[in-house]
Amino acid sequence: MVTLQLRQLDVPPGQRILLHEVSWAEFEAILEELGDHRSTRLAYDHGLLELMAPLPEHEYFKETISDAVKDISEELAIDYESYGSTTWRKQAKQAGIEPDNCFYFQNEALVRGKLTFDLSQDPPPDLALEIDLTSKSLNRFPIYARLGIPEIWAYDQGQLTVYLLQADEYQPSPKSRVFSSLNVQELPSLIEAHRDQGRLAVRRAVREWVRGQDHDSSI
């Protein structure tokens, strides 16, 4: 039997490795060995462990859509917390995931300023962001569902789809629970229209777009 150290595994950008029959204890040990300062993202589902290294395009849209979420929140005066690619996990559910970004809105007051989390006691994030789902081997939705994350924004090939958790399954929705007054599916085209003008231009455009909407309903 050949034993490899995880640091020996080189995952090229845009590629992924799927490991089978990984116990929960091994998953925890892998998280500790790899540490927080790494480019790979992990997902764990009942013994299957995926390691994925994102491409620059992936990271661009992760950052740009994350900035849009923050800018919208500030324009609507909605308190939020952002926890990036934090590893969320529940041993009882045999589920672990590192989203591209995640946010608290409805439960922001319950986690304000927190630096450590235990999902057996703390609420999960209210919104998770996933970029390029088609590039990932594991179906991440069942993992998110078992962790109880109520909303996912999935960006893939120029489209942003909102999924809401309903009866333990995610269903596409025309509206976001977080920003119910906005058609957030318009964000990719807004970003694309200003991308070659730079990040500040994109952020200004998002803020102007929010100001031009009818905000009769938001959280």
N, C-alpha and C. Protein backbone atom coordinates (compact mmCIF):
# COMPACT_ATOMS: atom_id res chain seq x y z
N MET A 1 0.85 -1.21 0.00
CA MET A 1 0.00 0.00 0.00
C MET A 1 0.87 1.24 0.00
N VAL A 2 0.61 2.16 -0.90
CA VAL A 2 1.37 3.39 -1.00
C VAL A 2 0.60 4.51 -0.31
N THR A 3 1.27 5.22 0.59
CA THR A 3 0.65 6.33 1.30
C THR A 3 1.25 7.64 0.81
N LEU A 4 0.39 8.56 0.38
CA LEU A 4 0.83 9.86 -0.10
C LEU A 4 0.48 10.94 0.91
N GLN A 5 1.36 11.91 1.04
CA GLN A 5 1.01 13.10 1.80
C GLN A 5 0.18 14.00 0.88
N LEU A 6 -0.83 14.66 1.45
CA LEU A 6 -1.69 15.50 0.63
C LEU A 6 -0.92 16.59 -0.06
N ARG A 7 0.15 17.08 0.55
CA ARG A 7 0.92 18.15 -0.08
C ARG A 7 1.64 17.67 -1.33
N GLN A 8 1.75 16.35 -1.50
CA GLN A 8 2.36 15.81 -2.70
C GLN A 8 1.42 15.87 -3.90
N LEU A 9 0.15 16.07 -3.67
CA LEU A 9 -0.82 16.11 -4.74
C LEU A 9 -0.85 17.52 -5.34
N ASP A 10 -0.50 17.62 -6.60
CA ASP A 10 -0.50 18.90 -7.30
C ASP A 10 -1.74 18.96 -8.19
N VAL A 11 -2.69 19.80 -7.80
CA VAL A 11 -3.92 19.93 -8.57
C VAL A 11 -3.78 21.15 -9.48
N PRO A 12 -3.64 20.97 -10.80
CA PRO A 12 -3.49 22.12 -11.70
C PRO A 12 -4.77 22.96 -11.70
N PRO A 13 -4.63 24.27 -11.95
CA PRO A 13 -5.82 25.13 -12.03
C PRO A 13 -6.84 24.59 -13.02
N GLY A 14 -8.10 24.58 -12.59
CA GLY A 14 -9.18 24.08 -13.42
C GLY A 14 -9.39 22.58 -13.35
N GLN A 15 -8.54 21.88 -12.59
CA GLN A 15 -8.64 20.43 -12.48
C GLN A 15 -9.14 20.03 -11.09
N ARG A 16 -9.46 18.75 -10.93
CA ARG A 16 -9.96 18.26 -9.66
C ARG A 16 -9.52 16.83 -9.44
N ILE A 17 -9.45 16.46 -8.18
CA ILE A 17 -9.12 15.09 -7.77
C ILE A 17 -10.24 14.60 -6.89
N LEU A 18 -10.71 13.38 -7.13
CA LEU A 18 -11.77 12.78 -6.33
C LEU A 18 -11.21 11.58 -5.60
N LEU A 19 -11.27 11.61 -4.28
CA LEU A 19 -10.77 10.53 -3.43
C LEU A 19 -11.95 9.76 -2.85
N HIS A 20 -11.86 8.43 -2.87
CA HIS A 20 -12.95 7.58 -2.39
C HIS A 20 -12.61 7.01 -1.01
N GLU A 21 -13.66 6.62 -0.29
CA GLU A 21 -13.56 5.94 1.00
C GLU A 21 -12.69 6.72 1.99
N VAL A 22 -12.94 8.00 2.07
CA VAL A 22 -12.25 8.87 3.03
C VAL A 22 -13.13 8.97 4.27
N SER A 23 -12.62 8.53 5.41
CA SER A 23 -13.41 8.58 6.64
C SER A 23 -13.50 10.02 7.14
N TRP A 24 -14.42 10.26 8.08
CA TRP A 24 -14.55 11.60 8.64
C TRP A 24 -13.26 12.01 9.35
N ALA A 25 -12.66 11.08 10.07
CA ALA A 25 -11.40 11.38 10.77
C ALA A 25 -10.31 11.74 9.76
N GLU A 26 -10.27 11.05 8.63
CA GLU A 26 -9.29 11.37 7.60
C GLU A 26 -9.58 12.73 6.98
N PHE A 27 -10.85 13.03 6.77
CA PHE A 27 -11.22 14.33 6.26
C PHE A 27 -10.75 15.45 7.19
N GLU A 28 -10.98 15.28 8.48
CA GLU A 28 -10.52 16.27 9.46
C GLU A 28 -9.00 16.40 9.45
N ALA A 29 -8.30 15.27 9.33
CA ALA A 29 -6.84 15.29 9.29
C ALA A 29 -6.34 15.99 8.03
N ILE A 30 -7.02 15.76 6.91
CA ILE A 30 -6.64 16.42 5.65
C ILE A 30 -6.81 17.93 5.77
N LEU A 31 -7.91 18.36 6.36
CA LEU A 31 -8.13 19.80 6.56
C LEU A 31 -7.00 20.41 7.39
N GLU A 32 -6.60 19.69 8.44
CA GLU A 32 -5.54 20.21 9.29
C GLU A 32 -4.20 20.23 8.56
N GLU A 33 -3.93 19.18 7.78
CA GLU A 33 -2.66 19.10 7.07
C GLU A 33 -2.55 20.18 6.00
N LEU A 34 -3.64 20.39 5.26
CA LEU A 34 -3.60 21.37 4.18
C LEU A 34 -3.60 22.80 4.70
N GLY A 35 -4.25 23.03 5.84
CA GLY A 35 -4.29 24.36 6.42
C GLY A 35 -5.19 25.31 5.64
N ASP A 36 -5.17 26.56 6.05
CA ASP A 36 -6.06 27.56 5.46
C ASP A 36 -5.45 28.26 4.25
N HIS A 37 -4.13 28.28 4.16
CA HIS A 37 -3.47 29.05 3.10
C HIS A 37 -3.18 28.14 1.92
N ARG A 38 -4.19 27.97 1.08
CA ARG A 38 -4.08 27.08 -0.07
C ARG A 38 -5.05 27.54 -1.13
N SER A 39 -4.80 27.09 -2.35
CA SER A 39 -5.67 27.49 -3.46
C SER A 39 -6.78 26.48 -3.70
N THR A 40 -6.62 25.26 -3.19
CA THR A 40 -7.61 24.22 -3.45
C THR A 40 -8.85 24.42 -2.59
N ARG A 41 -10.01 23.96 -3.10
CA ARG A 41 -11.27 23.96 -2.35
C ARG A 41 -11.69 22.50 -2.17
N LEU A 42 -12.30 22.22 -1.03
CA LEU A 42 -12.69 20.86 -0.69
C LEU A 42 -14.20 20.72 -0.60
N ALA A 43 -14.66 19.51 -0.90
CA ALA A 43 -16.06 19.15 -0.67
C ALA A 43 -16.07 17.69 -0.22
N TYR A 44 -16.88 17.37 0.79
CA TYR A 44 -16.92 16.02 1.36
C TYR A 44 -18.37 15.54 1.43
N ASP A 45 -18.60 14.32 0.92
CA ASP A 45 -19.96 13.78 0.89
C ASP A 45 -19.91 12.28 1.13
N HIS A 46 -20.21 11.87 2.37
CA HIS A 46 -20.29 10.44 2.71
C HIS A 46 -19.10 9.64 2.17
N GLY A 47 -17.89 10.09 2.49
CA GLY A 47 -16.70 9.33 2.12
C GLY A 47 -16.05 9.73 0.82
N LEU A 48 -16.72 10.54 0.02
CA LEU A 48 -16.11 11.08 -1.21
C LEU A 48 -15.54 12.46 -0.91
N LEU A 49 -14.27 12.66 -1.29
CA LEU A 49 -13.61 13.94 -1.06
C LEU A 49 -13.11 14.49 -2.39
N GLU A 50 -13.52 15.70 -2.71
CA GLU A 50 -13.06 16.35 -3.93
C GLU A 50 -12.13 17.50 -3.58
N LEU A 51 -11.00 17.58 -4.29
CA LEU A 51 -10.10 18.71 -4.21
C LEU A 51 -10.11 19.39 -5.57
N MET A 52 -10.37 20.69 -5.60
CA MET A 52 -10.49 21.42 -6.86
C MET A 52 -9.64 22.68 -6.78
N ALA A 53 -8.92 22.98 -7.88
CA ALA A 53 -8.13 24.20 -7.97
C ALA A 53 -8.76 25.12 -9.00
N PRO A 54 -9.18 26.32 -8.62
CA PRO A 54 -9.91 27.19 -9.54
C PRO A 54 -9.01 27.87 -10.57
N LEU A 55 -9.61 28.22 -11.69
CA LEU A 55 -8.96 29.00 -12.74
C LEU A 55 -9.09 30.50 -12.43
N PRO A 56 -8.24 31.34 -13.06
CA PRO A 56 -8.38 32.78 -12.86
C PRO A 56 -9.77 33.30 -13.20
N GLU A 57 -10.40 32.78 -14.26
CA GLU A 57 -11.76 33.20 -14.61
C GLU A 57 -12.73 32.93 -13.46
N HIS A 58 -12.58 31.76 -12.84
CA HIS A 58 -13.40 31.39 -11.69
C HIS A 58 -13.22 32.41 -10.58
N GLU A 59 -11.98 32.75 -10.29
CA GLU A 59 -11.70 33.67 -9.19
C GLU A 59 -12.21 35.07 -9.51
N TYR A 60 -12.13 35.48 -10.78
CA TYR A 60 -12.63 36.80 -11.15
C TYR A 60 -14.13 36.92 -10.84
N PHE A 61 -14.90 35.94 -11.28
CA PHE A 61 -16.34 36.03 -11.07
C PHE A 61 -16.70 35.80 -9.60
N LYS A 62 -15.93 35.00 -8.90
CA LYS A 62 -16.15 34.85 -7.46
C LYS A 62 -16.01 36.21 -6.78
N GLU A 63 -14.92 36.91 -7.08
CA GLU A 63 -14.68 38.19 -6.43
C GLU A 63 -15.69 39.25 -6.88
N THR A 64 -15.99 39.28 -8.17
CA THR A 64 -16.87 40.32 -8.69
C THR A 64 -18.31 40.16 -8.19
N ILE A 65 -18.81 38.92 -8.18
CA ILE A 65 -20.17 38.70 -7.68
C ILE A 65 -20.21 38.91 -6.17
N SER A 66 -19.15 38.52 -5.47
CA SER A 66 -19.09 38.77 -4.03
C SER A 66 -19.11 40.27 -3.74
N ASP A 67 -18.34 41.04 -4.52
CA ASP A 67 -18.38 42.49 -4.37
C ASP A 67 -19.79 43.03 -4.62
N ALA A 68 -20.46 42.47 -5.62
CA ALA A 68 -21.82 42.91 -5.93
C ALA A 68 -22.76 42.66 -4.75
N VAL A 69 -22.64 41.50 -4.12
CA VAL A 69 -23.46 41.20 -2.94
C VAL A 69 -23.23 42.24 -1.85
N LYS A 70 -21.97 42.58 -1.62
CA LYS A 70 -21.64 43.56 -0.58
C LYS A 70 -22.16 44.95 -0.96
N ASP A 71 -21.98 45.32 -2.23
CA ASP A 71 -22.43 46.64 -2.66
C ASP A 71 -23.95 46.76 -2.59
N ILE A 72 -24.65 45.70 -2.99
CA ILE A 72 -26.11 45.71 -2.89
C ILE A 72 -26.54 45.87 -1.42
N SER A 73 -25.89 45.10 -0.56
CA SER A 73 -26.23 45.16 0.87
C SER A 73 -26.05 46.56 1.42
N GLU A 74 -24.95 47.20 1.04
CA GLU A 74 -24.70 48.54 1.55
C GLU A 74 -25.69 49.55 0.99
N GLU A 75 -26.04 49.41 -0.29
CA GLU A 75 -27.02 50.32 -0.88
C GLU A 75 -28.39 50.16 -0.24
N LEU A 76 -28.73 48.94 0.16
CA LEU A 76 -30.04 48.68 0.78
C LEU A 76 -29.98 48.77 2.31
N ALA A 77 -28.78 49.13 2.85
CA ALA A 77 -28.60 49.26 4.30
C ALA A 77 -28.95 47.96 5.02
N ILE A 78 -28.48 46.83 4.46
CA ILE A 78 -28.69 45.52 5.08
C ILE A 78 -27.38 45.07 5.71
N ASP A 79 -27.40 44.81 7.00
CA ASP A 79 -26.21 44.29 7.69
C ASP A 79 -25.88 42.90 7.17
N TYR A 80 -24.58 42.61 7.02
CA TYR A 80 -24.17 41.29 6.55
C TYR A 80 -22.81 40.93 7.16
N GLU A 81 -22.51 39.67 7.12
CA GLU A 81 -21.17 39.17 7.40
C GLU A 81 -20.77 38.26 6.25
N SER A 82 -19.51 38.31 5.86
CA SER A 82 -18.99 37.49 4.77
C SER A 82 -17.85 36.62 5.30
N TYR A 83 -17.92 35.32 5.01
CA TYR A 83 -16.91 34.40 5.55
C TYR A 83 -16.17 33.61 4.47
N GLY A 84 -16.18 34.12 3.23
CA GLY A 84 -15.34 33.53 2.19
C GLY A 84 -15.53 32.04 2.03
N SER A 85 -14.39 31.33 1.88
CA SER A 85 -14.42 29.89 1.65
C SER A 85 -14.21 29.10 2.94
N THR A 86 -14.83 29.56 4.01
CA THR A 86 -14.79 28.83 5.28
C THR A 86 -15.25 27.38 5.06
N THR A 87 -14.62 26.44 5.77
CA THR A 87 -15.05 25.05 5.70
C THR A 87 -16.23 24.84 6.65
N TRP A 88 -17.40 24.54 6.08
CA TRP A 88 -18.60 24.26 6.87
C TRP A 88 -18.79 22.75 6.89
N ARG A 89 -18.99 22.18 8.08
CA ARG A 89 -19.10 20.73 8.14
C ARG A 89 -19.94 20.28 9.34
N LYS A 90 -20.57 19.11 9.14
CA LYS A 90 -21.33 18.45 10.20
C LYS A 90 -21.02 16.96 10.13
N GLN A 91 -20.40 16.45 11.19
CA GLN A 91 -20.07 15.03 11.19
C GLN A 91 -21.33 14.17 11.14
N ALA A 92 -22.36 14.57 11.88
CA ALA A 92 -23.59 13.77 11.92
C ALA A 92 -24.22 13.64 10.54
N LYS A 93 -23.99 14.63 9.69
CA LYS A 93 -24.55 14.61 8.33
C LYS A 93 -23.54 14.12 7.30
N GLN A 94 -22.30 13.83 7.75
CA GLN A 94 -21.24 13.39 6.83
C GLN A 94 -21.13 14.34 5.64
N ALA A 95 -21.11 15.63 5.96
CA ALA A 95 -21.12 16.65 4.93
C ALA A 95 -20.12 17.74 5.27
N GLY A 96 -19.36 18.17 4.26
CA GLY A 96 -18.44 19.28 4.42
C GLY A 96 -18.28 20.01 3.10
N ILE A 97 -18.18 21.33 3.14
CA ILE A 97 -18.11 22.11 1.90
C ILE A 97 -17.36 23.40 2.15
N GLU A 98 -16.65 23.85 1.13
CA GLU A 98 -16.03 25.17 1.12
C GLU A 98 -16.62 25.95 -0.06
N PRO A 99 -17.58 26.81 0.18
CA PRO A 99 -18.20 27.57 -0.91
C PRO A 99 -17.20 28.58 -1.48
N ASP A 100 -17.53 29.13 -2.62
CA ASP A 100 -16.68 30.19 -3.16
C ASP A 100 -16.80 31.45 -2.31
N ASN A 101 -17.94 31.67 -1.73
CA ASN A 101 -18.12 32.69 -0.71
C ASN A 101 -19.43 32.38 0.00
N CYS A 102 -19.61 32.95 1.17
CA CYS A 102 -20.85 32.74 1.92
C CYS A 102 -21.12 33.97 2.77
N PHE A 103 -22.40 34.18 3.04
CA PHE A 103 -22.84 35.40 3.70
C PHE A 103 -23.93 35.09 4.72
N TYR A 104 -23.93 35.91 5.78
CA TYR A 104 -25.04 35.94 6.72
C TYR A 104 -25.82 37.23 6.51
N PHE A 105 -27.12 37.13 6.47
CA PHE A 105 -28.02 38.28 6.40
C PHE A 105 -29.09 38.17 7.48
N GLN A 106 -30.04 37.23 7.30
CA GLN A 106 -31.11 37.05 8.27
C GLN A 106 -30.55 36.72 9.66
N ASN A 107 -29.47 35.95 9.70
CA ASN A 107 -28.87 35.54 10.98
C ASN A 107 -27.62 36.33 11.32
N GLU A 108 -27.43 37.47 10.66
CA GLU A 108 -26.20 38.25 10.88
C GLU A 108 -26.00 38.63 12.33
N ALA A 109 -27.07 39.03 13.00
CA ALA A 109 -26.94 39.48 14.40
C ALA A 109 -26.48 38.34 15.31
N LEU A 110 -26.79 37.10 14.93
CA LEU A 110 -26.42 35.95 15.77
C LEU A 110 -24.94 35.58 15.64
N VAL A 111 -24.30 36.02 14.56
CA VAL A 111 -22.90 35.64 14.35
C VAL A 111 -21.97 36.84 14.27
N ARG A 112 -22.50 38.01 14.51
CA ARG A 112 -21.72 39.23 14.33
C ARG A 112 -20.39 39.17 15.08
N GLY A 113 -19.31 39.31 14.34
CA GLY A 113 -17.98 39.32 14.94
C GLY A 113 -17.41 37.95 15.29
N LYS A 114 -18.14 36.87 15.04
CA LYS A 114 -17.65 35.54 15.40
C LYS A 114 -16.49 35.12 14.50
N LEU A 115 -15.53 34.42 15.09
CA LEU A 115 -14.38 33.94 14.34
C LEU A 115 -14.30 32.42 14.28
N THR A 116 -15.11 31.73 15.07
CA THR A 116 -15.17 30.27 15.02
C THR A 116 -16.63 29.85 15.02
N PHE A 117 -16.90 28.69 14.40
CA PHE A 117 -18.27 28.24 14.24
C PHE A 117 -18.39 26.76 14.54
N ASP A 118 -19.56 26.39 15.04
CA ASP A 118 -19.94 25.00 15.24
C ASP A 118 -21.39 24.88 14.79
N LEU A 119 -21.59 24.21 13.66
CA LEU A 119 -22.94 24.16 13.09
C LEU A 119 -23.92 23.33 13.91
N SER A 120 -23.44 22.67 14.95
CA SER A 120 -24.38 22.03 15.87
C SER A 120 -25.01 23.05 16.81
N GLN A 121 -24.42 24.26 16.85
CA GLN A 121 -24.95 25.32 17.71
C GLN A 121 -25.24 26.61 16.93
N ASP A 122 -24.42 26.91 15.95
CA ASP A 122 -24.55 28.16 15.20
C ASP A 122 -25.38 27.94 13.94
N PRO A 123 -26.09 28.98 13.48
CA PRO A 123 -26.83 28.85 12.22
C PRO A 123 -25.86 28.80 11.05
N PRO A 124 -26.23 28.10 9.98
CA PRO A 124 -25.38 28.10 8.79
C PRO A 124 -25.51 29.44 8.06
N PRO A 125 -24.63 29.72 7.10
CA PRO A 125 -24.79 30.95 6.31
C PRO A 125 -26.14 30.99 5.62
N ASP A 126 -26.62 32.20 5.39
CA ASP A 126 -27.91 32.38 4.71
C ASP A 126 -27.78 32.28 3.19
N LEU A 127 -26.58 32.52 2.67
CA LEU A 127 -26.37 32.51 1.23
C LEU A 127 -24.99 31.96 0.93
N ALA A 128 -24.91 31.02 -0.02
CA ALA A 128 -23.63 30.50 -0.50
C ALA A 128 -23.50 30.81 -1.98
N LEU A 129 -22.28 31.10 -2.40
CA LEU A 129 -21.99 31.38 -3.80
C LEU A 129 -21.15 30.25 -4.38
N GLU A 130 -21.60 29.71 -5.51
CA GLU A 130 -20.87 28.66 -6.21
C GLU A 130 -20.61 29.10 -7.65
N ILE A 131 -19.35 29.02 -8.07
CA ILE A 131 -18.95 29.40 -9.42
C ILE A 131 -18.60 28.15 -10.22
N ASP A 132 -19.07 28.06 -11.45
CA ASP A 132 -18.70 26.97 -12.37
C ASP A 132 -19.00 25.60 -11.79
N LEU A 133 -20.26 25.35 -11.49
CA LEU A 133 -20.64 24.04 -10.94
C LEU A 133 -20.30 22.90 -11.90
N THR A 134 -20.34 23.16 -13.21
CA THR A 134 -20.09 22.07 -14.16
C THR A 134 -18.65 21.60 -14.12
N SER A 135 -17.75 22.37 -13.50
CA SER A 135 -16.35 21.96 -13.43
C SER A 135 -16.07 21.10 -12.21
N LYS A 136 -17.09 20.81 -11.41
CA LYS A 136 -16.89 20.08 -10.16
C LYS A 136 -17.52 18.71 -10.24
N SER A 137 -16.82 17.71 -9.68
CA SER A 137 -17.27 16.32 -9.81
C SER A 137 -18.46 16.02 -8.90
N LEU A 138 -18.35 16.43 -7.65
CA LEU A 138 -19.41 16.14 -6.69
C LEU A 138 -20.62 17.03 -6.92
N ASN A 139 -21.80 16.47 -6.76
CA ASN A 139 -23.02 17.27 -6.71
C ASN A 139 -23.03 17.96 -5.34
N ARG A 140 -22.81 19.25 -5.35
CA ARG A 140 -22.68 19.97 -4.09
C ARG A 140 -24.02 20.26 -3.41
N PHE A 141 -25.10 20.25 -4.16
CA PHE A 141 -26.38 20.62 -3.58
C PHE A 141 -26.80 19.74 -2.40
N PRO A 142 -26.68 18.40 -2.49
CA PRO A 142 -27.04 17.59 -1.32
C PRO A 142 -26.19 17.90 -0.08
N ILE A 143 -24.93 18.28 -0.31
CA ILE A 143 -24.07 18.66 0.82
C ILE A 143 -24.61 19.93 1.47
N TYR A 144 -24.87 20.93 0.67
CA TYR A 144 -25.44 22.17 1.19
C TYR A 144 -26.77 21.93 1.89
N ALA A 145 -27.59 21.05 1.31
CA ALA A 145 -28.91 20.79 1.90
C ALA A 145 -28.77 20.18 3.29
N ARG A 146 -27.85 19.24 3.45
CA ARG A 146 -27.67 18.62 4.77
C ARG A 146 -27.09 19.59 5.79
N LEU A 147 -26.40 20.62 5.32
CA LEU A 147 -25.89 21.65 6.22
C LEU A 147 -26.95 22.72 6.51
N GLY A 148 -28.04 22.70 5.74
CA GLY A 148 -29.15 23.61 6.01
C GLY A 148 -28.98 25.02 5.49
N ILE A 149 -28.17 25.21 4.44
CA ILE A 149 -27.97 26.55 3.88
C ILE A 149 -29.16 26.88 2.97
N PRO A 150 -29.92 27.93 3.28
CA PRO A 150 -31.22 28.14 2.63
C PRO A 150 -31.16 28.64 1.19
N GLU A 151 -30.05 29.25 0.77
CA GLU A 151 -30.02 29.85 -0.57
C GLU A 151 -28.63 29.70 -1.19
N ILE A 152 -28.62 29.36 -2.48
CA ILE A 152 -27.38 29.25 -3.25
C ILE A 152 -27.51 30.10 -4.50
N TRP A 153 -26.47 30.87 -4.80
CA TRP A 153 -26.36 31.51 -6.10
C TRP A 153 -25.32 30.74 -6.89
N ALA A 154 -25.71 30.19 -8.01
CA ALA A 154 -24.81 29.40 -8.85
C ALA A 154 -24.53 30.16 -10.15
N TYR A 155 -23.27 30.55 -10.34
CA TYR A 155 -22.87 31.22 -11.58
C TYR A 155 -22.17 30.21 -12.46
N ASP A 156 -22.62 30.11 -13.71
CA ASP A 156 -22.02 29.15 -14.64
C ASP A 156 -22.23 29.65 -16.06
N GLN A 157 -21.13 29.86 -16.78
CA GLN A 157 -21.17 30.20 -18.20
C GLN A 157 -22.07 31.40 -18.47
N GLY A 158 -21.88 32.45 -17.69
CA GLY A 158 -22.59 33.70 -17.91
C GLY A 158 -23.99 33.78 -17.35
N GLN A 159 -24.44 32.73 -16.66
CA GLN A 159 -25.79 32.71 -16.09
C GLN A 159 -25.71 32.61 -14.56
N LEU A 160 -26.55 33.37 -13.89
CA LEU A 160 -26.66 33.29 -12.44
C LEU A 160 -28.04 32.72 -12.10
N THR A 161 -28.04 31.58 -11.42
CA THR A 161 -29.30 30.93 -11.04
C THR A 161 -29.43 30.94 -9.52
N VAL A 162 -30.60 31.33 -9.05
CA VAL A 162 -30.89 31.34 -7.61
C VAL A 162 -31.60 30.03 -7.27
N TYR A 163 -31.10 29.35 -6.25
CA TYR A 163 -31.73 28.11 -5.75
C TYR A 163 -32.12 28.32 -4.29
N LEU A 164 -33.34 27.93 -3.96
CA LEU A 164 -33.82 28.02 -2.58
C LEU A 164 -34.08 26.61 -2.05
N LEU A 165 -33.73 26.39 -0.79
CA LEU A 165 -33.92 25.09 -0.15
C LEU A 165 -35.38 24.93 0.25
N GLN A 166 -36.01 23.91 -0.31
CA GLN A 166 -37.42 23.63 -0.04
C GLN A 166 -37.60 22.13 0.15
N ALA A 167 -38.03 21.74 1.35
CA ALA A 167 -38.22 20.32 1.67
C ALA A 167 -36.95 19.52 1.38
N ASP A 168 -35.81 20.04 1.86
CA ASP A 168 -34.51 19.36 1.78
C ASP A 168 -33.96 19.25 0.36
N GLU A 169 -34.52 19.99 -0.59
CA GLU A 169 -34.00 20.00 -1.95
C GLU A 169 -33.98 21.44 -2.46
N TYR A 170 -33.03 21.71 -3.35
CA TYR A 170 -32.93 23.05 -3.92
C TYR A 170 -33.76 23.14 -5.19
N GLN A 171 -34.54 24.22 -5.26
CA GLN A 171 -35.36 24.48 -6.42
C GLN A 171 -34.97 25.85 -7.00
N PRO A 172 -34.86 25.94 -8.33
CA PRO A 172 -34.57 27.26 -8.91
C PRO A 172 -35.70 28.23 -8.61
N SER A 173 -35.32 29.48 -8.40
CA SER A 173 -36.31 30.50 -8.02
C SER A 173 -36.06 31.78 -8.82
N PRO A 174 -37.13 32.46 -9.23
CA PRO A 174 -36.94 33.74 -9.92
C PRO A 174 -36.49 34.85 -8.99
N LYS A 175 -36.64 34.64 -7.69
CA LYS A 175 -36.29 35.68 -6.72
C LYS A 175 -35.36 35.14 -5.64
N SER A 176 -34.49 36.00 -5.17
CA SER A 176 -33.65 35.71 -4.02
C SER A 176 -34.40 36.05 -2.74
N ARG A 177 -34.25 35.22 -1.70
CA ARG A 177 -34.83 35.57 -0.41
C ARG A 177 -34.09 36.75 0.20
N VAL A 178 -32.81 36.81 -0.04
CA VAL A 178 -31.98 37.85 0.57
C VAL A 178 -32.31 39.22 -0.03
N PHE A 179 -32.37 39.28 -1.37
CA PHE A 179 -32.66 40.54 -2.06
C PHE A 179 -33.92 40.34 -2.90
N SER A 180 -35.05 40.24 -2.24
CA SER A 180 -36.28 39.87 -2.94
C SER A 180 -36.80 40.97 -3.86
N SER A 181 -36.30 42.19 -3.71
CA SER A 181 -36.76 43.29 -4.56
C SER A 181 -35.97 43.41 -5.85
N LEU A 182 -34.92 42.57 -6.01
CA LEU A 182 -34.02 42.69 -7.15
C LEU A 182 -34.05 41.45 -8.02
N ASN A 183 -33.90 41.64 -9.32
CA ASN A 183 -33.70 40.53 -10.24
C ASN A 183 -32.19 40.30 -10.34
N VAL A 184 -31.64 39.55 -9.38
CA VAL A 184 -30.18 39.40 -9.29
C VAL A 184 -29.62 38.63 -10.48
N GLN A 185 -30.48 37.96 -11.24
CA GLN A 185 -30.01 37.25 -12.44
C GLN A 185 -29.46 38.22 -13.48
N GLU A 186 -29.72 39.52 -13.31
CA GLU A 186 -29.19 40.51 -14.25
C GLU A 186 -27.72 40.84 -13.97
N LEU A 187 -27.19 40.41 -12.85
CA LEU A 187 -25.82 40.79 -12.47
C LEU A 187 -24.77 40.36 -13.49
N PRO A 188 -24.79 39.12 -14.03
CA PRO A 188 -23.73 38.75 -14.99
C PRO A 188 -23.67 39.67 -16.20
N SER A 189 -24.81 40.05 -16.78
CA SER A 189 -24.79 40.94 -17.94
C SER A 189 -24.31 42.33 -17.55
N LEU A 190 -24.65 42.75 -16.34
CA LEU A 190 -24.18 44.05 -15.84
C LEU A 190 -22.66 44.03 -15.68
N ILE A 191 -22.14 42.95 -15.12
CA ILE A 191 -20.69 42.80 -14.95
C ILE A 191 -19.99 42.77 -16.30
N GLU A 192 -20.54 41.99 -17.23
CA GLU A 192 -19.91 41.85 -18.54
C GLU A 192 -19.88 43.18 -19.30
N ALA A 193 -20.93 43.98 -19.14
CA ALA A 193 -21.01 45.26 -19.85
C ALA A 193 -19.94 46.24 -19.38
N HIS A 194 -19.41 46.06 -18.17
CA HIS A 194 -18.44 47.00 -17.62
C HIS A 194 -17.09 46.36 -17.30
N ARG A 195 -16.94 45.08 -17.62
CA ARG A 195 -15.73 44.35 -17.21
C ARG A 195 -14.45 44.98 -17.77
N ASP A 196 -14.49 45.41 -19.03
CA ASP A 196 -13.27 45.95 -19.64
C ASP A 196 -12.97 47.37 -19.17
N GLN A 197 -13.84 47.93 -18.33
CA GLN A 197 -13.59 49.26 -17.77
C GLN A 197 -12.94 49.18 -16.38
N GLY A 198 -12.83 47.96 -15.85
CA GLY A 198 -12.18 47.80 -14.55
C GLY A 198 -13.16 47.55 -13.42
N ARG A 199 -12.62 47.09 -12.32
CA ARG A 199 -13.45 46.67 -11.19
C ARG A 199 -14.24 47.82 -10.57
N LEU A 200 -13.63 49.00 -10.47
CA LEU A 200 -14.36 50.12 -9.87
C LEU A 200 -15.58 50.48 -10.72
N ALA A 201 -15.43 50.41 -12.04
CA ALA A 201 -16.56 50.71 -12.92
C ALA A 201 -17.68 49.70 -12.73
N VAL A 202 -17.32 48.43 -12.55
CA VAL A 202 -18.33 47.40 -12.30
C VAL A 202 -19.06 47.69 -11.00
N ARG A 203 -18.32 48.04 -9.97
CA ARG A 203 -18.95 48.26 -8.67
C ARG A 203 -19.85 49.50 -8.70
N ARG A 204 -19.42 50.53 -9.39
CA ARG A 204 -20.27 51.72 -9.53
C ARG A 204 -21.55 51.38 -10.29
N ALA A 205 -21.42 50.55 -11.34
CA ALA A 205 -22.59 50.17 -12.13
C ALA A 205 -23.58 49.37 -11.30
N VAL A 206 -23.07 48.48 -10.46
CA VAL A 206 -23.96 47.69 -9.59
C VAL A 206 -24.71 48.61 -8.64
N ARG A 207 -24.02 49.54 -8.03
CA ARG A 207 -24.67 50.46 -7.09
C ARG A 207 -25.73 51.32 -7.79
N GLU A 208 -25.40 51.81 -8.98
CA GLU A 208 -26.38 52.60 -9.73
C GLU A 208 -27.59 51.76 -10.12
N TRP A 209 -27.34 50.51 -10.47
CA TRP A 209 -28.43 49.58 -10.82
C TRP A 209 -29.37 49.38 -9.64
N VAL A 210 -28.80 49.22 -8.45
CA VAL A 210 -29.62 49.03 -7.24
C VAL A 210 -30.45 50.28 -6.98
N ARG A 211 -29.85 51.46 -7.12
CA ARG A 211 -30.57 52.70 -6.85
C ARG A 211 -31.74 52.90 -7.83
N GLY A 212 -31.62 52.30 -9.01
CA GLY A 212 -32.67 52.46 -10.01
C GLY A 212 -33.80 51.47 -9.91
N GLN A 213 -33.75 50.57 -8.91
CA GLN A 213 -34.79 49.55 -8.76
C GLN A 213 -35.87 50.00 -7.78
N ASP A 214 -37.01 49.31 -7.88
CA ASP A 214 -38.12 49.52 -6.93
C ASP A 214 -37.91 48.57 -5.76
N HIS A 215 -37.74 49.11 -4.55
CA HIS A 215 -37.40 48.29 -3.39
C HIS A 215 -38.56 48.16 -2.42
N ASP A 216 -39.68 47.70 -2.91
CA ASP A 216 -40.84 47.53 -2.03
C ASP A 216 -40.65 46.38 -1.07
N SER A 217 -39.81 45.39 -1.46
CA SER A 217 -39.66 44.20 -0.60
C SER A 217 -38.22 43.78 -0.57
N SER A 218 -37.66 43.74 0.63
CA SER A 218 -36.34 43.17 0.90
C SER A 218 -36.36 42.66 2.32
N ILE A 219 -35.29 41.96 2.74
CA ILE A 219 -35.33 41.32 4.05
C ILE A 219 -35.34 42.38 5.14
